[in-house]
Amino acid sequence: MTDFTLLQESVTFRRTDALAGVEIMDVEWSARDWRCFNTAYSVTLIHNWHGEAQYRGKRHAVKPGVGFYTEPGETHSTPQVDRVGCFSVYVFEPETFHEYLRDQGVAVTRAHLTKAVSVMSPALTSSLLALSCAFDTPPSPLHAQSCFADVVAAMASELVERGRSNATPLDAAAQAAERIRDCLHEDRNGIDLTTLAIETGLSRFQVLRTFKRRYGLPPHAYQLAVRLARARHLLADGMAPANVAMECGFVDQSHLTKHFRQFLGVTPMAYAKAGARGKAQNALHHSRVQVQGAVDAR
């Protein structure tokens, strides 16, 4: 019987210039509570991890055979891990995803996924695995792009809402949560609970409760997740970690490194070395990053 206390977490990232706007994150033996602000669409393929994911104010049971899907502008976390395990996250930048959706006859300015969690179909599963293999073979733009087109076709058929009805008006709590979110995205210096309470007409306790109920994280953790998401983009684009730290509101590079590793399992420098967008080479970055740390049994 496997002793999960002896397993070590491994996090790797894969990108290729043959398919800009797509990234694959492979996670092995993770027991961490992932807390992420999503700037892109993502599909998580579960291999043998068991637990719960919190998304859009609800907790969802996640296990092998189930897919977990997120949209830009939302947060998700994994507050409960029942079994340490492995999963792969396929991340699609909105511009790339929408471009391929238009090829499927789905013309949208922002695609809405109809499910957060569902049993993953054989078509979507096989197309994701084929895309993963395309990232591991000698670079071929035609091969990688064809595999991604198959992924988008499966998602268009199974997950993308074709026509949305008129949106239901937001209630007072939802409006307050959105106002808090807007303030956090403005990233003003010195913003605190008192300021957020004044902005929304709520008490400080109500600010905490209302926001966490909608977005799954307290305001300070959400703000940090947003900064790290921006840092991730800047690092992938080739900006030096020290400059990224300054640009994203961290005290210094060591401050960025501490939180980046805590939230994503790798250092900023290691993430950048996994392969940067915009480099003048059309080749797969075979060098992967891997960090190891003891996984606590849960």
C-alpha atoms as a PDB file:
ATOM      1  CA  MET A   1       0.000   0.000   0.000  1.00  0.00           C
ATOM      2  CA  THR A   2       1.352   3.435  -0.957  1.00  0.00           C
ATOM      3  CA  ASP A   3       2.547   5.618   1.895  1.00  0.00           C
ATOM      4  CA  PHE A   4       1.439   9.074   0.744  1.00  0.00           C
ATOM      5  CA  THR A   5       3.608  10.743   3.399  1.00  0.00           C
ATOM      6  CA  LEU A   6       6.681   9.741   1.356  1.00  0.00           C
ATOM      7  CA  LEU A   7       5.470  11.233  -1.918  1.00  0.00           C
ATOM      8  CA  GLN A   8       6.824  14.564  -3.108  1.00  0.00           C
ATOM      9  CA  GLU A   9       4.939  17.264  -4.956  1.00  0.00           C
ATOM     10  CA  SER A  10       6.042  18.000  -8.506  1.00  0.00           C
ATOM     11  CA  VAL A  11       4.770  20.914 -10.614  1.00  0.00           C
ATOM     12  CA  THR A  12       5.743  21.332 -14.288  1.00  0.00           C
ATOM     13  CA  PHE A  13       4.667  23.781 -16.972  1.00  0.00           C
ATOM     14  CA  ARG A  14       4.706  23.232 -20.732  1.00  0.00           C
ATOM     15  CA  ARG A  15       4.365  25.842 -23.474  1.00  0.00           C
ATOM     16  CA  THR A  16       5.176  25.847 -27.180  1.00  0.00           C
ATOM     17  CA  ASP A  17       5.504  28.646 -29.703  1.00  0.00           C
ATOM     18  CA  ALA A  18       3.726  26.337 -32.143  1.00  0.00           C
ATOM     19  CA  LEU A  19       0.502  27.034 -30.223  1.00  0.00           C
ATOM     20  CA  ALA A  20       0.618  30.432 -28.567  1.00  0.00           C
ATOM     21  CA  GLY A  21      -1.968  31.025 -25.860  1.00  0.00           C
ATOM     22  CA  VAL A  22      -2.048  27.440 -24.566  1.00  0.00           C
ATOM     23  CA  GLU A  23      -0.233  26.119 -21.493  1.00  0.00           C
ATOM     24  CA  ILE A  24      -0.316  22.777 -19.704  1.00  0.00           C
ATOM     25  CA  MET A  25       0.409  22.499 -16.000  1.00  0.00           C
ATOM     26  CA  ASP A  26       1.124  18.969 -14.746  1.00  0.00           C
ATOM     27  CA  VAL A  27       0.822  18.431 -10.990  1.00  0.00           C
ATOM     28  CA  GLU A  28       1.886  15.247  -9.226  1.00  0.00           C
ATOM     29  CA  TRP A  29       1.158  14.258  -5.637  1.00  0.00           C
ATOM     30  CA  SER A  30      -0.255  17.591  -4.580  1.00  0.00           C
ATOM     31  CA  ALA A  31      -1.908  18.124  -1.220  1.00  0.00           C
ATOM     32  CA  ARG A  32      -1.918  21.917  -1.324  1.00  0.00           C
ATOM     33  CA  ASP A  33      -4.943  24.189  -1.230  1.00  0.00           C
ATOM     34  CA  TRP A  34      -4.639  25.775  -4.664  1.00  0.00           C
ATOM     35  CA  ARG A  35      -5.919  29.355  -4.700  1.00  0.00           C
ATOM     36  CA  CYS A  36      -6.069  30.840  -8.173  1.00  0.00           C
ATOM     37  CA  PHE A  37      -7.472  33.857  -9.971  1.00  0.00           C
ATOM     38  CA  ASN A  38      -8.247  32.776 -13.517  1.00  0.00           C
ATOM     39  CA  THR A  39      -7.311  35.059 -16.404  1.00  0.00           C
ATOM     40  CA  ALA A  40      -7.974  32.307 -18.945  1.00  0.00           C
ATOM     41  CA  TYR A  41     -10.205  29.298 -19.556  1.00  0.00           C
ATOM     42  CA  SER A  42      -9.017  26.057 -18.032  1.00  0.00           C
ATOM     43  CA  VAL A  43      -9.874  22.377 -18.128  1.00  0.00           C
ATOM     44  CA  THR A  44      -8.532  20.124 -15.390  1.00  0.00           C
ATOM     45  CA  LEU A  45      -8.105  16.456 -16.181  1.00  0.00           C
ATOM     46  CA  ILE A  46      -7.997  14.466 -12.932  1.00  0.00           C
ATOM     47  CA  HIS A  47      -5.743  11.406 -12.878  1.00  0.00           C
ATOM     48  CA  ASN A  48      -5.969  10.123  -9.295  1.00  0.00           C
ATOM     49  CA  TRP A  49      -6.528  13.180  -7.079  1.00  0.00           C
ATOM     50  CA  HIS A  50      -9.617  13.267  -4.854  1.00  0.00           C
ATOM     51  CA  GLY A  51     -11.058  16.291  -3.065  1.00  0.00           C
ATOM     52  CA  GLU A  52     -13.260  19.354  -3.370  1.00  0.00           C
ATOM     53  CA  ALA A  53     -12.952  22.496  -5.476  1.00  0.00           C
ATOM     54  CA  GLN A  54     -14.664  25.744  -4.575  1.00  0.00           C
ATOM     55  CA  TYR A  55     -15.842  27.808  -7.532  1.00  0.00           C
ATOM     56  CA  ARG A  56     -18.510  30.490  -7.888  1.00  0.00           C
ATOM     57  CA  GLY A  57     -19.612  30.119  -4.302  1.00  0.00           C
ATOM     58  CA  LYS A  58     -20.132  26.347  -4.460  1.00  0.00           C
ATOM     59  CA  ARG A  59     -18.068  23.335  -3.466  1.00  0.00           C
ATOM     60  CA  HIS A  60     -17.777  20.553  -6.017  1.00  0.00           C
ATOM     61  CA  ALA A  61     -16.618  16.969  -5.516  1.00  0.00           C
ATOM     62  CA  VAL A  62     -13.706  16.283  -7.871  1.00  0.00           C
ATOM     63  CA  LYS A  63     -12.247  12.849  -8.605  1.00  0.00           C
ATOM     64  CA  PRO A  64     -10.873  10.749 -11.473  1.00  0.00           C
ATOM     65  CA  GLY A  65     -13.175  10.720 -14.477  1.00  0.00           C
ATOM     66  CA  VAL A  66     -14.516  14.171 -13.637  1.00  0.00           C
ATOM     67  CA  GLY A  67     -13.517  17.356 -15.425  1.00  0.00           C
ATOM     68  CA  PHE A  68     -13.259  20.738 -13.701  1.00  0.00           C
ATOM     69  CA  TYR A  69     -13.796  23.815 -15.890  1.00  0.00           C
ATOM     70  CA  THR A  70     -13.180  27.499 -15.138  1.00  0.00           C
ATOM     71  CA  GLU A  71     -13.632  30.833 -16.915  1.00  0.00           C
ATOM     72  CA  PRO A  72     -11.653  34.082 -16.874  1.00  0.00           C
ATOM     73  CA  GLY A  73     -12.406  36.486 -14.055  1.00  0.00           C
ATOM     74  CA  GLU A  74     -13.310  33.777 -11.543  1.00  0.00           C
ATOM     75  CA  THR A  75     -11.396  32.303  -8.625  1.00  0.00           C
ATOM     76  CA  HIS A  76     -11.127  28.726  -7.517  1.00  0.00           C
ATOM     77  CA  SER A  77      -9.539  26.904  -4.618  1.00  0.00           C
ATOM     78  CA  THR A  78      -9.204  23.333  -3.365  1.00  0.00           C
ATOM     79  CA  PRO A  79     -10.090  23.607   0.346  1.00  0.00           C
ATOM     80  CA  GLN A  80     -10.375  19.856   0.863  1.00  0.00           C
ATOM     81  CA  VAL A  81      -7.987  17.133  -0.310  1.00  0.00           C
ATOM     82  CA  ASP A  82      -9.241  13.624   0.414  1.00  0.00           C
ATOM     83  CA  ARG A  83      -6.463  11.842  -1.422  1.00  0.00           C
ATOM     84  CA  VAL A  84      -3.128  13.209  -2.604  1.00  0.00           C
ATOM     85  CA  GLY A  85      -2.781  12.694  -6.326  1.00  0.00           C
ATOM     86  CA  CYS A  86      -2.086  13.985  -9.813  1.00  0.00           C
ATOM     87  CA  PHE A  87      -3.891  16.128 -12.354  1.00  0.00           C
ATOM     88  CA  SER A  88      -3.218  18.208 -15.467  1.00  0.00           C
ATOM     89  CA  VAL A  89      -4.564  21.702 -16.089  1.00  0.00           C
ATOM     90  CA  TYR A  90      -4.985  22.882 -19.689  1.00  0.00           C
ATOM     91  CA  VAL A  91      -5.040  26.684 -19.826  1.00  0.00           C
ATOM     92  CA  PHE A  92      -6.396  28.553 -22.865  1.00  0.00           C
ATOM     93  CA  GLU A  93      -6.009  32.319 -23.251  1.00  0.00           C
ATOM     94  CA  PRO A  94      -9.377  33.915 -24.174  1.00  0.00           C
ATOM     95  CA  GLU A  95      -8.203  35.275 -27.535  1.00  0.00           C
ATOM     96  CA  THR A  96      -6.931  31.860 -28.628  1.00  0.00           C
ATOM     97  CA  PHE A  97      -9.978  29.970 -27.340  1.00  0.00           C
ATOM     98  CA  HIS A  98     -12.438  32.368 -29.006  1.00  0.00           C
ATOM     99  CA  GLU A  99     -10.526  32.248 -32.289  1.00  0.00           C
ATOM    100  CA  TYR A 100     -10.812  28.462 -32.443  1.00  0.00           C
ATOM    101  CA  LEU A 101     -14.453  28.606 -31.324  1.00  0.00           C
ATOM    102  CA  ARG A 102     -15.256  30.801 -34.309  1.00  0.00           C
ATOM    103  CA  ASP A 103     -13.914  28.002 -36.500  1.00  0.00           C
ATOM    104  CA  GLN A 104     -16.606  25.823 -34.907  1.00  0.00           C
ATOM    105  CA  GLY A 105     -19.297  28.351 -35.818  1.00  0.00           C
ATOM    106  CA  VAL A 106     -19.554  29.723 -32.279  1.00  0.00           C
ATOM    107  CA  ALA A 107     -19.211  33.496 -32.538  1.00  0.00           C
ATOM    108  CA  VAL A 108     -18.916  34.912 -29.043  1.00  0.00           C
ATOM    109  CA  THR A 109     -17.126  37.814 -27.435  1.00  0.00           C
ATOM    110  CA  ARG A 110     -16.887  35.802 -24.237  1.00  0.00           C
ATOM    111  CA  ALA A 111     -17.661  32.089 -24.077  1.00  0.00           C
ATOM    112  CA  HIS A 112     -19.691  30.833 -21.135  1.00  0.00           C
ATOM    113  CA  LEU A 113     -19.142  27.266 -19.963  1.00  0.00           C
ATOM    114  CA  THR A 114     -22.351  25.586 -18.903  1.00  0.00           C
ATOM    115  CA  LYS A 115     -20.757  23.374 -16.235  1.00  0.00           C
ATOM    116  CA  ALA A 116     -18.071  23.707 -13.592  1.00  0.00           C
ATOM    117  CA  VAL A 117     -17.789  19.972 -12.955  1.00  0.00           C
ATOM    118  CA  SER A 118     -19.022  17.012 -14.974  1.00  0.00           C
ATOM    119  CA  VAL A 119     -18.095  13.489 -15.975  1.00  0.00           C
ATOM    120  CA  MET A 120     -15.595  14.032 -18.778  1.00  0.00           C
ATOM    121  CA  SER A 121     -16.646  12.556 -22.089  1.00  0.00           C
ATOM    122  CA  PRO A 122     -14.396  10.122 -23.994  1.00  0.00           C
ATOM    123  CA  ALA A 123     -14.139  12.680 -26.835  1.00  0.00           C
ATOM    124  CA  LEU A 124     -12.857  15.469 -24.612  1.00  0.00           C
ATOM    125  CA  THR A 125     -10.592  13.137 -22.634  1.00  0.00           C
ATOM    126  CA  SER A 126      -8.931  11.676 -25.711  1.00  0.00           C
ATOM    127  CA  SER A 127      -8.486  15.087 -27.340  1.00  0.00           C
ATOM    128  CA  LEU A 128      -6.804  16.480 -24.207  1.00  0.00           C
ATOM    129  CA  LEU A 129      -4.456  13.504 -24.019  1.00  0.00           C
ATOM    130  CA  ALA A 130      -3.600  13.927 -27.702  1.00  0.00           C
ATOM    131  CA  LEU A 131      -2.840  17.611 -27.109  1.00  0.00           C
ATOM    132  CA  SER A 132      -0.559  16.676 -24.224  1.00  0.00           C
ATOM    133  CA  CYS A 133       1.322  14.220 -26.448  1.00  0.00           C
ATOM    134  CA  ALA A 134       1.677  16.902 -29.133  1.00  0.00           C
ATOM    135  CA  PHE A 135       3.503  19.066 -26.600  1.00  0.00           C
ATOM    136  CA  ASP A 136       5.957  16.232 -25.942  1.00  0.00           C
ATOM    137  CA  THR A 137       6.859  15.324 -29.527  1.00  0.00           C
ATOM    138  CA  PRO A 138       9.179  17.230 -31.903  1.00  0.00           C
ATOM    139  CA  PRO A 139       7.520  20.590 -32.605  1.00  0.00           C
ATOM    140  CA  SER A 140       4.940  20.623 -35.373  1.00  0.00           C
ATOM    141  CA  PRO A 141       2.609  23.634 -35.526  1.00  0.00           C
ATOM    142  CA  LEU A 142       0.152  21.683 -37.681  1.00  0.00           C
ATOM    143  CA  HIS A 143       0.011  18.779 -35.216  1.00  0.00           C
ATOM    144  CA  ALA A 144      -0.348  20.922 -32.075  1.00  0.00           C
ATOM    145  CA  GLN A 145      -2.943  23.212 -33.642  1.00  0.00           C
ATOM    146  CA  SER A 146      -4.946  20.274 -34.999  1.00  0.00           C
ATOM    147  CA  CYS A 147      -5.043  18.653 -31.560  1.00  0.00           C
ATOM    148  CA  PHE A 148      -6.174  21.909 -29.981  1.00  0.00           C
ATOM    149  CA  ALA A 149      -8.893  22.285 -32.615  1.00  0.00           C
ATOM    150  CA  ASP A 150     -10.203  18.863 -31.550  1.00  0.00           C
ATOM    151  CA  VAL A 151     -10.258  19.973 -27.898  1.00  0.00           C
ATOM    152  CA  VAL A 152     -12.207  23.122 -28.760  1.00  0.00           C
ATOM    153  CA  ALA A 153     -14.623  21.133 -30.939  1.00  0.00           C
ATOM    154  CA  ALA A 154     -15.414  18.814 -28.022  1.00  0.00           C
ATOM    155  CA  MET A 155     -15.856  21.758 -25.661  1.00  0.00           C
ATOM    156  CA  ALA A 156     -18.074  23.598 -28.171  1.00  0.00           C
ATOM    157  CA  SER A 157     -20.280  20.527 -28.407  1.00  0.00           C
ATOM    158  CA  GLU A 158     -20.452  19.727 -24.703  1.00  0.00           C
ATOM    159  CA  LEU A 159     -19.685  22.805 -22.609  1.00  0.00           C
ATOM    160  CA  VAL A 160     -20.039  26.107 -24.454  1.00  0.00           C
ATOM    161  CA  GLU A 161     -23.407  27.816 -24.183  1.00  0.00           C
ATOM    162  CA  ARG A 162     -24.555  28.914 -27.619  1.00  0.00           C
ATOM    163  CA  GLY A 163     -27.069  31.592 -26.669  1.00  0.00           C
ATOM    164  CA  ARG A 164     -27.504  33.160 -23.270  1.00  0.00           C
ATOM    165  CA  SER A 165     -30.840  34.456 -22.073  1.00  0.00           C
ATOM    166  CA  ASN A 166     -31.085  37.851 -20.461  1.00  0.00           C
ATOM    167  CA  ALA A 167     -29.001  37.894 -17.320  1.00  0.00           C
ATOM    168  CA  THR A 168     -30.818  37.714 -14.030  1.00  0.00           C
ATOM    169  CA  PRO A 169     -30.485  41.015 -12.145  1.00  0.00           C
ATOM    170  CA  LEU A 170     -27.926  40.789  -9.354  1.00  0.00           C
ATOM    171  CA  ASP A 171     -29.202  40.895  -5.803  1.00  0.00           C
ATOM    172  CA  ALA A 172     -27.774  43.321  -3.264  1.00  0.00           C
ATOM    173  CA  ALA A 173     -25.167  40.860  -1.943  1.00  0.00           C
ATOM    174  CA  ALA A 174     -23.910  40.025  -5.438  1.00  0.00           C
ATOM    175  CA  GLN A 175     -23.705  43.714  -6.332  1.00  0.00           C
ATOM    176  CA  ALA A 176     -21.686  44.379  -3.176  1.00  0.00           C
ATOM    177  CA  ALA A 177     -19.320  41.478  -3.963  1.00  0.00           C
ATOM    178  CA  GLU A 178     -18.760  42.837  -7.470  1.00  0.00           C
ATOM    179  CA  ARG A 179     -18.060  46.322  -6.114  1.00  0.00           C
ATOM    180  CA  ILE A 180     -15.493  44.873  -3.699  1.00  0.00           C
ATOM    181  CA  ARG A 181     -13.911  42.954  -6.574  1.00  0.00           C
ATOM    182  CA  ASP A 182     -13.706  46.120  -8.677  1.00  0.00           C
ATOM    183  CA  CYS A 183     -11.950  47.940  -5.838  1.00  0.00           C
ATOM    184  CA  LEU A 184      -9.447  45.111  -5.463  1.00  0.00           C
ATOM    185  CA  HIS A 185      -8.704  45.129  -9.196  1.00  0.00           C
ATOM    186  CA  GLU A 186      -8.007  48.853  -9.011  1.00  0.00           C
ATOM    187  CA  ASP A 187      -5.220  47.789  -6.623  1.00  0.00           C
ATOM    188  CA  ARG A 188      -5.111  51.126  -4.852  1.00  0.00           C
ATOM    189  CA  ASN A 189      -2.399  51.613  -2.272  1.00  0.00           C
ATOM    190  CA  GLY A 190      -3.567  51.273   1.296  1.00  0.00           C
ATOM    191  CA  ILE A 191      -6.956  49.767   0.502  1.00  0.00           C
ATOM    192  CA  ASP A 192      -8.347  48.125   3.633  1.00  0.00           C
ATOM    193  CA  LEU A 193     -11.541  46.732   5.124  1.00  0.00           C
ATOM    194  CA  THR A 194     -12.674  50.159   6.265  1.00  0.00           C
ATOM    195  CA  THR A 195     -12.353  51.521   2.727  1.00  0.00           C
ATOM    196  CA  LEU A 196     -14.237  48.560   1.272  1.00  0.00           C
ATOM    197  CA  ALA A 197     -16.964  48.969   3.897  1.00  0.00           C
ATOM    198  CA  ILE A 198     -17.395  52.626   2.966  1.00  0.00           C
ATOM    199  CA  GLU A 199     -17.465  51.780  -0.757  1.00  0.00           C
ATOM    200  CA  THR A 200     -20.217  49.193  -0.304  1.00  0.00           C
ATOM    201  CA  GLY A 201     -22.176  50.471   2.694  1.00  0.00           C
ATOM    202  CA  LEU A 202     -21.485  47.224   4.550  1.00  0.00           C
ATOM    203  CA  SER A 203     -19.783  46.569   7.856  1.00  0.00           C
ATOM    204  CA  ARG A 204     -16.241  45.212   7.749  1.00  0.00           C
ATOM    205  CA  PHE A 205     -17.486  41.787   8.817  1.00  0.00           C
ATOM    206  CA  GLN A 206     -20.146  41.861   6.080  1.00  0.00           C
ATOM    207  CA  VAL A 207     -17.469  42.741   3.524  1.00  0.00           C
ATOM    208  CA  LEU A 208     -15.506  39.632   4.471  1.00  0.00           C
ATOM    209  CA  ARG A 209     -18.529  37.334   4.562  1.00  0.00           C
ATOM    210  CA  THR A 210     -20.176  38.650   1.378  1.00  0.00           C
ATOM    211  CA  PHE A 211     -17.027  38.525  -0.718  1.00  0.00           C
ATOM    212  CA  LYS A 212     -15.866  35.106   0.450  1.00  0.00           C
ATOM    213  CA  ARG A 213     -19.320  33.626  -0.124  1.00  0.00           C
ATOM    214  CA  ARG A 214     -19.199  34.719  -3.791  1.00  0.00           C
ATOM    215  CA  TYR A 215     -15.512  34.304  -4.683  1.00  0.00           C
ATOM    216  CA  GLY A 216     -14.347  31.646  -2.244  1.00  0.00           C
ATOM    217  CA  LEU A 217     -11.458  33.731  -0.870  1.00  0.00           C
ATOM    218  CA  PRO A 218     -11.233  36.617   1.586  1.00  0.00           C
ATOM    219  CA  PRO A 219     -10.428  39.961  -0.091  1.00  0.00           C
ATOM    220  CA  HIS A 220      -6.721  39.959   0.820  1.00  0.00           C
ATOM    221  CA  ALA A 221      -6.199  36.447  -0.616  1.00  0.00           C
ATOM    222  CA  TYR A 222      -8.134  37.378  -3.767  1.00  0.00           C
ATOM    223  CA  GLN A 223      -5.983  40.488  -4.239  1.00  0.00           C
ATOM    224  CA  LEU A 224      -2.835  38.404  -3.890  1.00  0.00           C
ATOM    225  CA  ALA A 225      -4.135  35.831  -6.384  1.00  0.00           C
ATOM    226  CA  VAL A 226      -4.846  38.606  -8.905  1.00  0.00           C
ATOM    227  CA  ARG A 227      -1.305  39.981  -8.519  1.00  0.00           C
ATOM    228  CA  LEU A 228       0.188  36.526  -8.973  1.00  0.00           C
ATOM    229  CA  ALA A 229      -1.901  35.904 -12.093  1.00  0.00           C
ATOM    230  CA  ARG A 230      -0.526  39.113 -13.589  1.00  0.00           C
ATOM    231  CA  ALA A 231       2.994  38.167 -12.522  1.00  0.00           C
ATOM    232  CA  ARG A 232       2.591  34.839 -14.283  1.00  0.00           C
ATOM    233  CA  HIS A 233       1.753  36.563 -17.575  1.00  0.00           C
ATOM    234  CA  LEU A 234       4.647  39.003 -17.292  1.00  0.00           C
ATOM    235  CA  LEU A 235       7.126  36.227 -16.503  1.00  0.00           C
ATOM    236  CA  ALA A 236       5.909  34.191 -19.471  1.00  0.00           C
ATOM    237  CA  ASP A 237       6.409  37.273 -21.655  1.00  0.00           C
ATOM    238  CA  GLY A 238      10.053  37.486 -20.577  1.00  0.00           C
ATOM    239  CA  MET A 239      10.068  40.221 -17.926  1.00  0.00           C
ATOM    240  CA  ALA A 240      12.757  39.798 -15.245  1.00  0.00           C
ATOM    241  CA  PRO A 241      11.419  38.627 -11.858  1.00  0.00           C
ATOM    242  CA  ALA A 242      12.726  41.743 -10.072  1.00  0.00           C
ATOM    243  CA  ASN A 243      10.809  43.974 -12.486  1.00  0.00           C
ATOM    244  CA  VAL A 244       7.727  41.774 -12.233  1.00  0.00           C
ATOM    245  CA  ALA A 245       7.785  42.148  -8.447  1.00  0.00           C
ATOM    246  CA  MET A 246       7.843  45.927  -8.755  1.00  0.00           C
ATOM    247  CA  GLU A 247       5.170  45.973 -11.473  1.00  0.00           C
ATOM    248  CA  CYS A 248       2.769  43.754  -9.513  1.00  0.00           C
ATOM    249  CA  GLY A 249       2.966  45.472  -6.139  1.00  0.00           C
ATOM    250  CA  PHE A 250       5.324  43.165  -4.240  1.00  0.00           C
ATOM    251  CA  VAL A 251       7.895  44.579  -1.848  1.00  0.00           C
ATOM    252  CA  ASP A 252      10.786  42.967  -3.726  1.00  0.00           C
ATOM    253  CA  GLN A 253      11.737  39.839  -5.659  1.00  0.00           C
ATOM    254  CA  SER A 254      12.008  37.681  -2.541  1.00  0.00           C
ATOM    255  CA  HIS A 255       8.466  38.709  -1.550  1.00  0.00           C
ATOM    256  CA  LEU A 256       7.207  37.690  -4.995  1.00  0.00           C
ATOM    257  CA  THR A 257       9.144  34.418  -4.843  1.00  0.00           C
ATOM    258  CA  LYS A 258       7.698  33.501  -1.459  1.00  0.00           C
ATOM    259  CA  HIS A 259       4.088  33.883  -2.573  1.00  0.00           C
ATOM    260  CA  PHE A 260       4.617  32.546  -6.111  1.00  0.00           C
ATOM    261  CA  ARG A 261       6.068  29.322  -4.787  1.00  0.00           C
ATOM    262  CA  GLN A 262       3.422  29.043  -2.082  1.00  0.00           C
ATOM    263  CA  PHE A 263       0.552  29.422  -4.575  1.00  0.00           C
ATOM    264  CA  LEU A 264       1.976  27.757  -7.708  1.00  0.00           C
ATOM    265  CA  GLY A 265       4.601  25.346  -6.447  1.00  0.00           C
ATOM    266  CA  VAL A 266       7.515  26.853  -8.397  1.00  0.00           C
ATOM    267  CA  THR A 267       9.716  29.932  -8.180  1.00  0.00           C
ATOM    268  CA  PRO A 268       9.192  32.832 -10.618  1.00  0.00           C
ATOM    269  CA  MET A 269      12.563  32.141 -12.254  1.00  0.00           C
ATOM    270  CA  ALA A 270      11.733  28.458 -12.743  1.00  0.00           C
ATOM    271  CA  TYR A 271       8.342  29.324 -14.225  1.00  0.00           C
ATOM    272  CA  ALA A 272       9.936  31.781 -16.654  1.00  0.00           C
ATOM    273  CA  LYS A 273      12.454  29.143 -17.753  1.00  0.00           C
ATOM    274  CA  ALA A 274       9.666  26.730 -18.661  1.00  0.00           C
ATOM    275  CA  GLY A 275       9.352  28.714 -21.894  1.00  0.00           C
ATOM    276  CA  ALA A 276       8.421  32.307 -22.688  1.00  0.00           C
ATOM    277  CA  ARG A 277       5.871  33.540 -25.191  1.00  0.00           C
ATOM    278  CA  GLY A 278       7.167  35.767 -27.935  1.00  0.00           C
ATOM    279  CA  LYS A 279      10.645  34.238 -28.264  1.00  0.00           C
ATOM    280  CA  ALA A 280      12.037  34.191 -31.771  1.00  0.00           C
ATOM    281  CA  GLN A 281      12.052  30.429 -32.063  1.00  0.00           C
ATOM    282  CA  ASN A 282       9.289  28.123 -33.134  1.00  0.00           C
ATOM    283  CA  ALA A 283      10.267  25.165 -30.978  1.00  0.00           C
ATOM    284  CA  LEU A 284       8.957  23.315 -28.004  1.00  0.00           C
ATOM    285  CA  HIS A 285      10.696  24.238 -24.770  1.00  0.00           C
ATOM    286  CA  HIS A 286      11.662  20.772 -23.600  1.00  0.00           C
ATOM    287  CA  SER A 287      13.228  22.035 -20.404  1.00  0.00           C
ATOM    288  CA  ARG A 288      10.649  21.706 -17.680  1.00  0.00           C
ATOM    289  CA  VAL A 289      10.734  23.020 -14.189  1.00  0.00           C
ATOM    290  CA  GLN A 290      10.239  20.843 -11.189  1.00  0.00           C
ATOM    291  CA  VAL A 291      10.206  21.585  -7.522  1.00  0.00           C
ATOM    292  CA  GLN A 292       9.925  19.053  -4.803  1.00  0.00           C
ATOM    293  CA  GLY A 293       8.719  19.436  -1.274  1.00  0.00           C
ATOM    294  CA  ALA A 294       7.325  17.127   1.309  1.00  0.00           C
ATOM    295  CA  VAL A 295       3.611  16.527   0.948  1.00  0.00           C
ATOM    296  CA  ASP A 296       1.659  16.437   4.168  1.00  0.00           C
ATOM    297  CA  ALA A 297      -0.700  13.524   4.457  1.00  0.00           C
ATOM    298  CA  ARG A 298      -4.323  14.531   4.737  1.00  0.00           C
END
